[in-house]
Amino acid sequence: TDPVNMSGFSPELIDYLEGKISFEEFERRREERKTREKKVRRC
């Protein structure tokens, strides 16, 4: 499972909400995480 903090948000969302990354960066990280998860499920 992906690393989620106690509030249930994903790390890239936290970074975005805290202003550490742009929305574009948030989207890119989220897509990367989705593709990683798909690969894991296939095994």
PDB file of N, CA and C in Angstrom:
ATOM      1  N   THR A   1       0.847  -1.203   0.000  1.00  0.00           N
ATOM      2  CA  THR A   1       0.000   0.000   0.000  1.00  0.00           C
ATOM      3  C   THR A   1       0.879   1.247   0.000  1.00  0.00           C
ATOM      4  N   ASP A   2       0.313   2.357  -0.407  1.00  0.00           N
ATOM      5  CA  ASP A   2       1.153   3.543  -0.491  1.00  0.00           C
ATOM      6  C   ASP A   2       1.234   4.257   0.852  1.00  0.00           C
ATOM      7  N   PRO A   3       2.357   4.954   1.073  1.00  0.00           N
ATOM      8  CA  PRO A   3       2.548   5.608   2.368  1.00  0.00           C
ATOM      9  C   PRO A   3       1.555   6.740   2.557  1.00  0.00           C
ATOM     10  N   VAL A   4       0.668   6.591   3.497  1.00  0.00           N
ATOM     11  CA  VAL A   4      -0.345   7.610   3.745  1.00  0.00           C
ATOM     12  C   VAL A   4      -0.243   8.017   5.203  1.00  0.00           C
ATOM     13  N   ASN A   5      -0.320   9.311   5.462  1.00  0.00           N
ATOM     14  CA  ASN A   5      -0.244   9.737   6.856  1.00  0.00           C
ATOM     15  C   ASN A   5      -1.591   9.547   7.538  1.00  0.00           C
ATOM     16  N   MET A   6      -1.700   9.953   8.778  1.00  0.00           N
ATOM     17  CA  MET A   6      -2.888   9.624   9.563  1.00  0.00           C
ATOM     18  C   MET A   6      -4.167  10.258   9.028  1.00  0.00           C
ATOM     19  N   SER A   7      -4.058  11.380   8.317  1.00  0.00           N
ATOM     20  CA  SER A   7      -5.255  12.014   7.776  1.00  0.00           C
ATOM     21  C   SER A   7      -5.739  11.324   6.506  1.00  0.00           C
ATOM     22  N   GLY A   8      -4.952  10.382   5.990  1.00  0.00           N
ATOM     23  CA  GLY A   8      -5.382   9.620   4.819  1.00  0.00           C
ATOM     24  C   GLY A   8      -5.007  10.253   3.495  1.00  0.00           C
ATOM     25  N   PHE A   9      -4.203  11.320   3.517  1.00  0.00           N
ATOM     26  CA  PHE A   9      -3.782  11.943   2.269  1.00  0.00           C
ATOM     27  C   PHE A   9      -2.474  11.330   1.796  1.00  0.00           C
ATOM     28  N   SER A  10      -2.280  11.301   0.484  1.00  0.00           N
ATOM     29  CA  SER A  10      -1.029  10.796  -0.063  1.00  0.00           C
ATOM     30  C   SER A  10       0.059  11.859   0.077  1.00  0.00           C
ATOM     31  N   PRO A  11       1.324  11.429   0.130  1.00  0.00           N
ATOM     32  CA  PRO A  11       2.424  12.373   0.371  1.00  0.00           C
ATOM     33  C   PRO A  11       2.480  13.506  -0.650  1.00  0.00           C
ATOM     34  N   GLU A  12       2.186  13.196  -1.934  1.00  0.00           N
ATOM     35  CA  GLU A  12       2.245  14.260  -2.937  1.00  0.00           C
ATOM     36  C   GLU A  12       1.144  15.300  -2.722  1.00  0.00           C
ATOM     37  N   LEU A  13       0.001  14.853  -2.185  1.00  0.00           N
ATOM     38  CA  LEU A  13      -1.072  15.809  -1.897  1.00  0.00           C
ATOM     39  C   LEU A  13      -0.681  16.717  -0.736  1.00  0.00           C
ATOM     40  N   ILE A  14      -0.057  16.143   0.280  1.00  0.00           N
ATOM     41  CA  ILE A  14       0.418  16.940   1.420  1.00  0.00           C
ATOM     42  C   ILE A  14       1.377  18.026   0.926  1.00  0.00           C
ATOM     43  N   ASP A  15       2.356  17.615   0.101  1.00  0.00           N
ATOM     44  CA  ASP A  15       3.332  18.577  -0.415  1.00  0.00           C
ATOM     45  C   ASP A  15       2.640  19.690  -1.189  1.00  0.00           C
ATOM     46  N   TYR A  16       1.646  19.317  -1.995  1.00  0.00           N
ATOM     47  CA  TYR A  16       0.919  20.314  -2.778  1.00  0.00           C
ATOM     48  C   TYR A  16       0.149  21.271  -1.868  1.00  0.00           C
ATOM     49  N   LEU A  17      -0.563  20.710  -0.891  1.00  0.00           N
ATOM     50  CA  LEU A  17      -1.359  21.543   0.013  1.00  0.00           C
ATOM     51  C   LEU A  17      -0.480  22.478   0.843  1.00  0.00           C
ATOM     52  N   GLU A  18       0.724  22.014   1.179  1.00  0.00           N
ATOM     53  CA  GLU A  18       1.643  22.850   1.952  1.00  0.00           C
ATOM     54  C   GLU A  18       2.407  23.838   1.076  1.00  0.00           C
ATOM     55  N   GLY A  19       2.164  23.776  -0.236  1.00  0.00           N
ATOM     56  CA  GLY A  19       2.808  24.720  -1.143  1.00  0.00           C
ATOM     57  C   GLY A  19       4.230  24.351  -1.516  1.00  0.00           C
ATOM     58  N   LYS A  20       4.626  23.108  -1.227  1.00  0.00           N
ATOM     59  CA  LYS A  20       5.992  22.689  -1.536  1.00  0.00           C
ATOM     60  C   LYS A  20       6.162  22.388  -3.024  1.00  0.00           C
ATOM     61  N   ILE A  21       5.105  21.934  -3.672  1.00  0.00           N
ATOM     62  CA  ILE A  21       5.172  21.593  -5.091  1.00  0.00           C
ATOM     63  C   ILE A  21       3.999  22.235  -5.829  1.00  0.00           C
ATOM     64  N   SER A  22       4.159  22.388  -7.151  1.00  0.00           N
ATOM     65  CA  SER A  22       3.077  22.943  -7.966  1.00  0.00           C
ATOM     66  C   SER A  22       2.037  21.865  -8.251  1.00  0.00           C
ATOM     67  N   PHE A  23       0.887  22.293  -8.767  1.00  0.00           N
ATOM     68  CA  PHE A  23      -0.154  21.319  -9.103  1.00  0.00           C
ATOM     69  C   PHE A  23       0.332  20.363 -10.185  1.00  0.00           C
ATOM     70  N   GLU A  24       1.118  20.880 -11.135  1.00  0.00           N
ATOM     71  CA  GLU A  24       1.654  20.028 -12.202  1.00  0.00           C
ATOM     72  C   GLU A  24       2.524  18.918 -11.621  1.00  0.00           C
ATOM     73  N   GLU A  25       3.367  19.300 -10.653  1.00  0.00           N
ATOM     74  CA  GLU A  25       4.227  18.312 -10.002  1.00  0.00           C
ATOM     75  C   GLU A  25       3.394  17.299  -9.230  1.00  0.00           C
ATOM     76  N   PHE A  26       2.342  17.773  -8.567  1.00  0.00           N
ATOM     77  CA  PHE A  26       1.434  16.884  -7.843  1.00  0.00           C
ATOM     78  C   PHE A  26       0.817  15.854  -8.785  1.00  0.00           C
ATOM     79  N   GLU A  27       0.293  16.326  -9.921  1.00  0.00           N
ATOM     80  CA  GLU A  27      -0.319  15.431 -10.914  1.00  0.00           C
ATOM     81  C   GLU A  27       0.685  14.389 -11.398  1.00  0.00           C
ATOM     82  N   ARG A  28       1.916  14.849 -11.694  1.00  0.00           N
ATOM     83  CA  ARG A  28       2.935  13.951 -12.218  1.00  0.00           C
ATOM     84  C   ARG A  28       3.262  12.858 -11.204  1.00  0.00           C
ATOM     85  N   ARG A  29       3.446  13.244  -9.948  1.00  0.00           N
ATOM     86  CA  ARG A  29       3.749  12.257  -8.903  1.00  0.00           C
ATOM     87  C   ARG A  29       2.611  11.277  -8.712  1.00  0.00           C
ATOM     88  N   ARG A  30       1.379  11.781  -8.778  1.00  0.00           N
ATOM     89  CA  ARG A  30       0.215  10.923  -8.588  1.00  0.00           C
ATOM     90  C   ARG A  30       0.132   9.892  -9.715  1.00  0.00           C
ATOM     91  N   GLU A  31       0.369  10.343 -10.949  1.00  0.00           N
ATOM     92  CA  GLU A  31       0.354   9.424 -12.086  1.00  0.00           C
ATOM     93  C   GLU A  31       1.457   8.382 -11.946  1.00  0.00           C
ATOM     94  N   GLU A  32       2.641   8.814 -11.518  1.00  0.00           N
ATOM     95  CA  GLU A  32       3.747   7.872 -11.322  1.00  0.00           C
ATOM     96  C   GLU A  32       3.385   6.824 -10.288  1.00  0.00           C
ATOM     97  N   ARG A  33       2.730   7.249  -9.220  1.00  0.00           N
ATOM     98  CA  ARG A  33       2.348   6.319  -8.168  1.00  0.00           C
ATOM     99  C   ARG A  33       1.309   5.329  -8.690  1.00  0.00           C
ATOM    100  N   LYS A  34       0.378   5.803  -9.507  1.00  0.00           N
ATOM    101  CA  LYS A  34      -0.633   4.914 -10.087  1.00  0.00           C
ATOM    102  C   LYS A  34       0.018   3.843 -10.947  1.00  0.00           C
ATOM    103  N   THR A  35       0.976   4.229 -11.796  1.00  0.00           N
ATOM    104  CA  THR A  35       1.617   3.244 -12.660  1.00  0.00           C
ATOM    105  C   THR A  35       2.428   2.249 -11.837  1.00  0.00           C
ATOM    106  N   ARG A  36       3.112   2.732 -10.785  1.00  0.00           N
ATOM    107  CA  ARG A  36       3.846   1.810  -9.905  1.00  0.00           C
ATOM    108  C   ARG A  36       2.906   0.802  -9.265  1.00  0.00           C
ATOM    109  N   GLU A  37       1.760   1.267  -8.785  1.00  0.00           N
ATOM    110  CA  GLU A  37       0.808   0.376  -8.118  1.00  0.00           C
ATOM    111  C   GLU A  37       0.265  -0.675  -9.079  1.00  0.00           C
ATOM    112  N   LYS A  38       0.001  -0.277 -10.328  1.00  0.00           N
ATOM    113  CA  LYS A  38      -0.488  -1.231 -11.325  1.00  0.00           C
ATOM    114  C   LYS A  38       0.532  -2.341 -11.547  1.00  0.00           C
ATOM    115  N   LYS A  39       1.812  -1.959 -11.656  1.00  0.00           N
ATOM    116  CA  LYS A  39       2.865  -2.948 -11.861  1.00  0.00           C
ATOM    117  C   LYS A  39       2.921  -3.929 -10.700  1.00  0.00           C
ATOM    118  N   VAL A  40       2.766  -3.430  -9.491  1.00  0.00           N
ATOM    119  CA  VAL A  40       2.827  -4.287  -8.302  1.00  0.00           C
ATOM    120  C   VAL A  40       1.663  -5.277  -8.303  1.00  0.00           C
ATOM    121  N   ARG A  41       0.470  -4.799  -8.652  1.00  0.00           N
ATOM    122  CA  ARG A  41      -0.702  -5.672  -8.641  1.00  0.00           C
ATOM    123  C   ARG A  41      -0.587  -6.816  -9.637  1.00  0.00           C
ATOM    124  N   ARG A  42       0.110  -6.573 -10.764  1.00  0.00           N
ATOM    125  CA  ARG A  42       0.216  -7.606 -11.789  1.00  0.00           C
ATOM    126  C   ARG A  42       1.020  -8.816 -11.330  1.00  0.00           C
ATOM    127  N   CYS A  43       1.998  -8.597 -10.472  1.00  0.00           N
ATOM    128  CA  CYS A  43       2.881  -9.690 -10.040  1.00  0.00           C
ATOM    129  C   CYS A  43       2.128 -10.796  -9.310  1.00  0.00           C
TER     130      CYS A  43
END
